[in-house]
Amino acid sequence: MRSLYIGLWAERAGRLFPAYLAYGLSIMWIGQILINVGVNVGLLPTKGLTLPFLSYGGSSLVVCCISLGIFAAYRLGAPSSATGGRQCSIIKRSTKC
């Protein structure tokens, strides 16, 4: 849920790629969680989908960790050409860095 807010903050800061990245990753994680809950409740057939960051899935766990690392790199405010190469966090409320 926090990643959706981070995507919103990035979009408001004018950084569209990190915003879309945050939206996409959070929708991927939320989708996997909802499918897993549906299987456990009995509303959906079993698919063998792992629960992100909790289930032992081998390659699924590696992909989730890599996607979290990419997300964290953009969330921490990698220097961009829009800020002139300065380190600027997307969480700051002001337009100045």
Protein backbone atom coordinates (compact mmCIF):
# COMPACT_ATOMS: atom_id res chain seq x y z
CA MET A 1 0.00 0.00 0.00
CA ARG A 2 2.87 2.35 0.80
CA SER A 3 4.28 1.84 -2.69
CA LEU A 4 1.09 3.29 -4.18
CA TYR A 5 1.59 6.45 -2.13
CA ILE A 6 5.21 6.62 -3.24
CA GLY A 7 4.02 6.35 -6.84
CA LEU A 8 1.58 9.19 -6.21
CA TRP A 9 4.32 11.35 -4.68
CA ALA A 10 6.62 10.62 -7.61
CA GLU A 11 3.89 11.54 -10.07
CA ARG A 12 3.24 14.82 -8.26
CA ALA A 13 6.99 15.54 -8.33
CA GLY A 14 6.96 15.13 -12.12
CA ARG A 15 9.00 11.90 -12.13
CA LEU A 16 6.78 9.72 -14.28
CA PHE A 17 9.00 6.67 -14.76
CA PRO A 18 9.47 6.03 -11.00
CA ALA A 19 5.75 6.67 -10.52
CA TYR A 20 4.73 4.11 -13.15
CA LEU A 21 7.34 1.68 -11.82
CA ALA A 22 5.88 2.00 -8.31
CA TYR A 23 2.33 1.56 -9.61
CA GLY A 24 3.26 -1.49 -11.67
CA LEU A 25 5.19 -3.26 -8.92
CA SER A 26 2.52 -2.61 -6.32
CA ILE A 27 -0.23 -3.86 -8.62
CA MET A 28 1.86 -6.99 -9.28
CA TRP A 29 2.35 -7.61 -5.53
CA ILE A 30 -1.28 -6.82 -4.66
CA GLY A 31 -2.51 -9.08 -7.46
CA GLN A 32 -0.46 -12.01 -6.20
CA ILE A 33 -1.70 -11.43 -2.65
CA LEU A 34 -5.35 -11.24 -3.74
CA ILE A 35 -5.05 -14.44 -5.78
CA ASN A 36 -3.43 -16.18 -2.82
CA VAL A 37 -6.19 -15.02 -0.46
CA GLY A 38 -8.83 -16.17 -2.95
CA VAL A 39 -7.23 -19.63 -3.12
CA ASN A 40 -7.06 -19.91 0.67
CA VAL A 41 -10.68 -18.86 1.08
CA GLY A 42 -11.74 -21.32 -1.61
CA LEU A 43 -13.05 -18.83 -4.17
CA LEU A 44 -10.35 -19.55 -6.76
CA PRO A 45 -8.77 -22.78 -7.95
CA THR A 46 -5.22 -23.50 -6.83
CA LYS A 47 -2.62 -22.12 -9.23
CA GLY A 48 0.65 -22.66 -7.37
CA LEU A 49 1.28 -18.92 -7.11
CA THR A 50 3.60 -17.99 -4.26
CA LEU A 51 2.86 -15.31 -1.70
CA PRO A 52 5.28 -12.40 -2.35
CA PHE A 53 8.18 -12.24 0.14
CA LEU A 54 6.72 -14.97 2.38
CA SER A 55 6.42 -18.22 0.44
CA TYR A 56 9.45 -20.21 -0.54
CA GLY A 57 9.35 -20.07 -4.31
CA GLY A 58 12.96 -19.95 -5.43
CA SER A 59 12.83 -17.83 -8.56
CA SER A 60 9.70 -16.03 -7.36
CA LEU A 61 11.51 -14.89 -4.23
CA VAL A 62 14.50 -13.74 -6.29
CA VAL A 63 12.26 -11.74 -8.67
CA CYS A 64 10.40 -10.13 -5.75
CA CYS A 65 13.67 -9.14 -4.08
CA ILE A 66 15.12 -7.75 -7.31
CA SER A 67 11.93 -5.77 -7.98
CA LEU A 68 12.04 -4.40 -4.43
CA GLY A 69 15.67 -3.37 -4.97
CA ILE A 70 14.80 -1.55 -8.20
CA PHE A 71 11.86 0.10 -6.46
CA ALA A 72 14.03 1.18 -3.52
CA ALA A 73 16.67 2.64 -5.85
CA TYR A 74 14.09 4.92 -7.47
CA ARG A 75 12.34 5.62 -4.19
CA LEU A 76 15.54 6.90 -2.60
CA GLY A 77 15.81 9.52 -5.31
CA ALA A 78 18.45 8.63 -7.87
CA PRO A 79 19.90 11.72 -9.57
CA SER A 80 18.00 12.67 -12.69
CA SER A 81 18.51 15.15 -15.49
CA ALA A 82 15.47 17.13 -14.28
CA THR A 83 17.28 18.04 -11.07
CA GLY A 84 20.60 18.79 -12.75
CA GLY A 85 22.25 15.68 -11.29
CA ARG A 86 21.48 16.64 -7.68
CA GLN A 87 20.24 14.02 -5.25
CA CYS A 88 16.56 14.82 -4.76
CA SER A 89 14.12 12.68 -2.80
CA ILE A 90 10.58 12.34 -4.13
CA ILE A 91 9.15 12.41 -0.61
CA LYS A 92 9.99 16.08 -0.07
CA ARG A 93 6.91 18.27 -0.25
CA SER A 94 8.64 21.33 -1.71
CA THR A 95 9.68 21.73 -5.32
CA LYS A 96 13.21 22.75 -4.33
CA CYS A 97 15.84 20.09 -3.68
